[in-house]
Amino acid sequence: MRPITKSTLVLSLAALLAACALLPATAGAATGRTVAVTASASIKVPNDTAKVGFGVKRERKTRAAALQATAAGLRQVIAAAKAFPGVGEGDIRTGRIDVSPVKKGKATLYIATEGIQVTLHEPAKAGELIAKGLGAGATGVSGPTFSVGNEEEAFAKVLAAAFDKARERASVLAAQAGAKLGVALTIEEGEGAEFIGPRFDNAAGAPVSKGTPTPPTKPGTSRVKATVHVIFELQ
């Protein structure tokens, strides 16, 4: 039998102390008991954006004349939209240009159409914008369509609400099991956040008389829904 030297004894004591230092962490680790819950939340978010479409149509004897007249009319509509409160740089987008021949008796005429889509950040004024566009020479209008501009911010709010609801449910279950609720071990988003917003549109490009008074508009709200699946530790 080998004699126990002083150095061997020191090393053994050091190893024992190291093992003892690990015991509290092991003893306080998760017991393996968990609780899994699924929760959904839904919140209403004010619509802060409106989209309105304007179209211009002109009929002339030649393609060039029809295009020129349509372009001139559309420039006036664009100018009116740019000057409207709540419409900023980059909020106006032009659409498709179309020129088609039409027969009127023996003559062939040409109809040119072009449109724009305007994003308005003061949606309660959508009716006023429509009146301005028609007054500037638009021959057709579509919309308004109301929506939430910052969708990511709305998603974050509803996801947080869904998590809070999941934690509340898990706390009830933990208490029934005679345990305390620990930390969330895994969090999984459900089917993905969903916007459920009403759309109140006129028929796309529907002709509207210039004499039409300013239509009343109410942006309303959109409902945002989200689901989360969470596994909590039980202590």
Protein backbone atom coordinates (compact mmCIF):
# COMPACT_ATOMS: atom_id res chain seq x y z
CA MET A 1 0.00 0.00 0.00
CA ARG A 2 1.39 3.37 -1.07
CA PRO A 3 1.81 5.89 1.73
CA ILE A 4 -0.41 8.99 1.57
CA THR A 5 1.82 11.95 1.02
CA LYS A 6 1.06 15.51 1.98
CA SER A 7 0.75 16.55 -1.67
CA THR A 8 -1.72 13.73 -2.41
CA LEU A 9 -3.84 14.77 0.58
CA VAL A 10 -3.91 18.39 -0.58
CA LEU A 11 -5.02 17.37 -4.07
CA SER A 12 -7.75 15.13 -2.68
CA LEU A 13 -9.08 17.89 -0.46
CA ALA A 14 -9.08 20.32 -3.37
CA ALA A 15 -11.06 17.88 -5.52
CA LEU A 16 -13.54 17.34 -2.69
CA LEU A 17 -14.06 21.06 -2.21
CA ALA A 18 -14.63 21.52 -5.94
CA ALA A 19 -17.26 18.78 -5.95
CA CYS A 20 -19.01 20.33 -2.95
CA ALA A 21 -19.09 23.69 -4.70
CA LEU A 22 -21.12 22.13 -7.49
CA LEU A 23 -23.70 20.58 -5.18
CA PRO A 24 -25.87 23.69 -4.60
CA ALA A 25 -26.18 24.30 -8.35
CA THR A 26 -27.13 20.68 -8.92
CA ALA A 27 -29.59 20.67 -6.06
CA GLY A 28 -31.24 23.89 -7.28
CA ALA A 29 -31.48 22.79 -10.90
CA ALA A 30 -34.75 22.06 -12.59
CA THR A 31 -36.52 19.04 -11.19
CA GLY A 32 -37.71 18.07 -14.64
CA ARG A 33 -41.25 19.19 -13.88
CA THR A 34 -42.68 21.63 -16.41
CA VAL A 35 -46.01 23.04 -17.46
CA ALA A 36 -46.90 23.81 -21.09
CA VAL A 37 -49.58 26.34 -21.96
CA THR A 38 -51.02 27.93 -25.09
CA ALA A 39 -52.57 31.38 -25.02
CA SER A 40 -53.98 33.81 -27.57
CA ALA A 41 -54.47 37.53 -27.32
CA SER A 42 -56.27 40.08 -29.42
CA ILE A 43 -55.97 43.86 -29.29
CA LYS A 44 -57.49 46.72 -31.24
CA VAL A 45 -55.12 49.16 -32.89
CA PRO A 46 -56.24 52.50 -34.36
CA ASN A 47 -55.84 52.69 -38.12
CA ASP A 48 -53.38 55.50 -38.79
CA THR A 49 -52.96 55.16 -42.56
CA ALA A 50 -55.29 55.43 -45.54
CA LYS A 51 -54.65 54.58 -49.18
CA VAL A 52 -56.61 56.31 -51.94
CA GLY A 53 -56.37 55.70 -55.67
CA PHE A 54 -57.05 58.29 -58.38
CA GLY A 55 -57.41 57.71 -62.11
CA VAL A 56 -57.37 60.07 -65.06
CA LYS A 57 -58.93 59.19 -68.41
CA ARG A 58 -58.85 61.27 -71.58
CA GLU A 59 -60.17 60.59 -75.08
CA ARG A 60 -58.50 62.09 -78.15
CA LYS A 61 -58.13 61.51 -81.88
CA THR A 62 -54.55 60.22 -81.67
CA ARG A 63 -52.56 58.13 -79.22
CA ALA A 64 -50.09 60.94 -78.60
CA ALA A 65 -52.83 63.47 -77.92
CA ALA A 66 -54.61 61.07 -75.54
CA LEU A 67 -51.40 60.38 -73.63
CA GLN A 68 -50.52 64.05 -73.48
CA ALA A 69 -53.94 65.04 -72.15
CA THR A 70 -53.91 62.24 -69.57
CA ALA A 71 -50.42 63.14 -68.38
CA ALA A 72 -51.40 66.80 -68.01
CA GLY A 73 -54.48 65.86 -66.00
CA LEU A 74 -52.56 63.46 -63.79
CA ARG A 75 -49.90 66.08 -63.03
CA GLN A 76 -52.63 68.33 -61.65
CA VAL A 77 -53.95 65.52 -59.45
CA ILE A 78 -50.42 64.75 -58.21
CA ALA A 79 -49.85 68.41 -57.37
CA ALA A 80 -53.08 68.51 -55.37
CA ALA A 81 -52.15 65.32 -53.49
CA LYS A 82 -48.63 66.57 -52.70
CA ALA A 83 -50.01 69.76 -51.19
CA PHE A 84 -52.48 67.87 -48.98
CA PRO A 85 -51.69 67.60 -45.23
CA GLY A 86 -50.59 64.11 -44.24
CA VAL A 87 -49.07 63.23 -47.63
CA GLY A 88 -45.28 63.19 -47.53
CA GLU A 89 -42.37 62.49 -49.82
CA GLY A 90 -42.65 59.00 -51.29
CA ASP A 91 -46.37 58.68 -50.47
CA ILE A 92 -47.47 58.98 -54.11
CA ARG A 93 -46.95 56.11 -56.53
CA THR A 94 -47.91 56.16 -60.19
CA GLY A 95 -49.62 53.17 -61.76
CA ARG A 96 -50.08 51.55 -65.11
CA ILE A 97 -50.52 53.60 -68.31
CA ASP A 98 -52.96 52.24 -70.85
CA VAL A 99 -53.95 53.46 -74.33
CA SER A 100 -56.76 51.73 -76.21
CA PRO A 101 -58.45 52.46 -79.54
CA VAL A 102 -62.24 52.75 -79.60
CA LYS A 103 -64.59 52.87 -82.55
CA LYS A 104 -67.17 55.64 -82.70
CA GLY A 105 -69.03 55.25 -85.94
CA LYS A 106 -66.43 55.25 -88.67
CA ALA A 107 -63.88 57.13 -86.61
CA THR A 108 -61.21 55.59 -84.40
CA LEU A 109 -60.45 57.42 -81.19
CA TYR A 110 -57.97 56.67 -78.44
CA ILE A 111 -58.55 56.52 -74.70
CA ALA A 112 -55.58 56.87 -72.37
CA THR A 113 -55.74 56.12 -68.66
CA GLU A 114 -53.24 56.43 -65.84
CA GLY A 115 -53.55 56.42 -62.08
CA ILE A 116 -51.78 57.03 -58.79
CA GLN A 117 -52.00 55.62 -55.28
CA VAL A 118 -51.70 58.07 -52.42
CA THR A 119 -50.76 57.08 -48.85
CA LEU A 120 -52.32 59.44 -46.33
CA HIS A 121 -51.05 59.58 -42.73
CA GLU A 122 -54.05 61.54 -41.48
CA PRO A 123 -56.72 58.99 -42.41
CA ALA A 124 -59.63 60.99 -40.98
CA LYS A 125 -59.06 63.44 -43.86
CA ALA A 126 -59.41 60.80 -46.57
CA GLY A 127 -62.74 62.24 -47.69
CA GLU A 128 -61.19 65.67 -48.09
CA LEU A 129 -58.34 64.19 -50.13
CA ILE A 130 -60.84 62.49 -52.44
CA ALA A 131 -62.66 65.78 -52.98
CA LYS A 132 -59.36 67.56 -53.73
CA GLY A 133 -58.32 64.91 -56.23
CA LEU A 134 -61.62 65.05 -58.06
CA GLY A 135 -61.49 68.82 -58.08
CA ALA A 136 -58.02 68.65 -59.63
CA GLY A 137 -59.28 66.59 -62.56
CA ALA A 138 -59.37 62.94 -61.51
CA THR A 139 -62.06 60.98 -63.33
CA GLY A 140 -62.06 57.95 -61.06
CA VAL A 141 -61.34 57.11 -57.45
CA SER A 142 -60.85 53.96 -55.38
CA GLY A 143 -60.67 53.62 -51.64
CA PRO A 144 -60.02 54.68 -49.03
CA THR A 145 -58.47 51.56 -47.52
CA PHE A 146 -57.51 51.96 -43.87
CA SER A 147 -54.64 50.14 -42.17
CA VAL A 148 -52.02 50.26 -39.42
CA GLY A 149 -48.80 51.86 -40.57
CA ASN A 150 -46.36 50.32 -38.04
CA GLU A 151 -47.40 46.67 -38.11
CA GLU A 152 -44.30 45.43 -36.27
CA GLU A 153 -45.06 47.60 -33.25
CA ALA A 154 -48.62 46.28 -33.16
CA PHE A 155 -47.34 42.68 -33.46
CA ALA A 156 -44.97 43.24 -30.54
CA LYS A 157 -47.81 44.49 -28.33
CA VAL A 158 -50.10 41.56 -29.06
CA LEU A 159 -47.31 39.00 -28.62
CA ALA A 160 -46.49 40.50 -25.22
CA ALA A 161 -50.17 40.32 -24.27
CA ALA A 162 -50.33 36.66 -25.34
CA PHE A 163 -47.24 35.82 -23.27
CA ASP A 164 -48.67 37.55 -20.19
CA LYS A 165 -51.84 35.51 -20.55
CA ALA A 166 -49.80 32.31 -20.90
CA ARG A 167 -47.89 33.12 -17.71
CA GLU A 168 -51.14 33.75 -15.82
CA ARG A 169 -52.55 30.39 -16.89
CA ALA A 170 -49.31 28.62 -16.03
CA SER A 171 -49.31 30.21 -12.56
CA VAL A 172 -52.79 28.80 -11.88
CA LEU A 173 -51.72 25.33 -12.98
CA ALA A 174 -48.52 25.50 -10.94
CA ALA A 175 -50.45 26.41 -7.80
CA GLN A 176 -52.82 23.49 -8.35
CA ALA A 177 -49.82 21.20 -8.60
CA GLY A 178 -48.36 22.54 -5.36
CA ALA A 179 -45.41 24.16 -7.10
CA LYS A 180 -44.10 27.59 -7.92
CA LEU A 181 -43.80 28.88 -11.44
CA GLY A 182 -40.25 29.19 -12.71
CA VAL A 183 -38.75 30.75 -15.80
CA ALA A 184 -39.95 30.20 -19.34
CA LEU A 185 -37.87 27.44 -20.89
CA THR A 186 -39.19 27.64 -24.44
CA ILE A 187 -41.41 30.16 -26.23
CA GLU A 188 -42.90 29.43 -29.63
CA GLU A 189 -45.05 31.73 -31.71
CA GLY A 190 -48.25 30.11 -32.90
CA GLU A 191 -49.61 30.51 -36.39
CA GLY A 192 -48.15 33.98 -36.61
CA ALA A 193 -49.62 37.33 -35.73
CA GLU A 194 -52.67 38.20 -37.80
CA PHE A 195 -54.20 41.50 -38.80
CA ILE A 196 -57.97 41.50 -39.10
CA GLY A 197 -58.79 44.92 -40.47
CA PRO A 198 -61.99 45.99 -42.20
CA ARG A 199 -61.66 47.32 -45.73
CA PHE A 200 -64.24 49.84 -46.87
CA ASP A 201 -63.53 50.36 -50.56
CA ASN A 202 -65.47 51.77 -53.45
CA ALA A 203 -65.22 49.75 -56.64
CA ALA A 204 -61.73 50.20 -58.01
CA GLY A 205 -61.57 53.12 -60.39
CA ALA A 206 -65.30 53.86 -60.08
CA PRO A 207 -66.15 57.12 -61.84
CA VAL A 208 -67.24 59.87 -59.47
CA SER A 209 -68.76 63.20 -60.38
CA LYS A 210 -66.74 66.29 -59.60
CA GLY A 211 -69.80 67.75 -57.93
CA THR A 212 -69.83 65.03 -55.30
CA PRO A 213 -69.53 66.53 -51.80
CA THR A 214 -66.74 65.50 -49.44
CA PRO A 215 -67.59 61.94 -48.34
CA PRO A 216 -67.43 61.23 -44.59
CA THR A 217 -64.72 58.77 -43.60
CA LYS A 218 -63.91 57.01 -40.31
CA PRO A 219 -60.60 55.13 -40.09
CA GLY A 220 -61.78 52.82 -37.28
CA THR A 221 -59.50 50.14 -35.83
CA SER A 222 -57.83 46.92 -36.89
CA ARG A 223 -57.77 43.86 -34.66
CA VAL A 224 -54.43 42.11 -34.19
CA LYS A 225 -54.32 38.52 -32.96
CA ALA A 226 -51.40 36.32 -31.86
CA THR A 227 -50.87 32.92 -30.22
CA VAL A 228 -47.89 31.66 -28.20
CA HIS A 229 -46.91 28.23 -26.84
CA VAL A 230 -44.77 28.44 -23.69
CA ILE A 231 -43.14 25.81 -21.46
CA PHE A 232 -42.40 26.98 -17.92
CA GLU A 233 -40.23 25.37 -15.28
CA LEU A 234 -41.93 24.22 -12.06
CA GLN A 235 -40.03 24.74 -8.83
